[in-house]
């Protein structure tokens, strides 16, 4: 099975990477819904899948290859340069696209409302996770598997960012409070569906 998947990724790298990324991101949303003890909201998961397939998977695929072309190799200066570029340029774009894309699909009046409220907290939380993911990605993972690896690590991130989009404030603290059973931002619990 793994051999067939790897052959598929080599033969159809864009398609396999984007589909895997979208599937894992969607699974992250479904997992956070399950952990919240709510009945599945498949419309929400479809919206997450659409944003992941239409933007995040494609962006990741193109972005990671562009970073490799600009800063080739696995030597420390190249790897650190890629991580820095990813966090200063790629991460903000990804966070903005997620919150804005979800707001558009939810038909919110102000599509930038979630961005305005949660962007900086989410970005700062991402700085505690993604640099370590990308460091291992750029050192250990072959270029043709990097989007898939990012998608795999994105499962955890998707669980967090989907929770933040629906109920949290974009901070790791709100996610940990929720995991411990404490009430988080009661005024946001009734987010638009």
Foldseek 3Di string as FASTA:
>chain_A
DVVVLVVCLVVPVLVSLLQLLLVLLLLLLQVLCVLLVHDDDVLLSVLSSCLSNVPVSNCLLVLLVVLCVVQNDQPVVSLVVSLVCCLVPVLLVSLQSNQLSSCVSLVPPDSCVLVVQASVQQSVQVVVPPSVQSSCLSNPPDSSCSSSSVSNSCSNVSNLVSCCSQFARNHVVQVVCVSVPHHHRPVRNPPRD
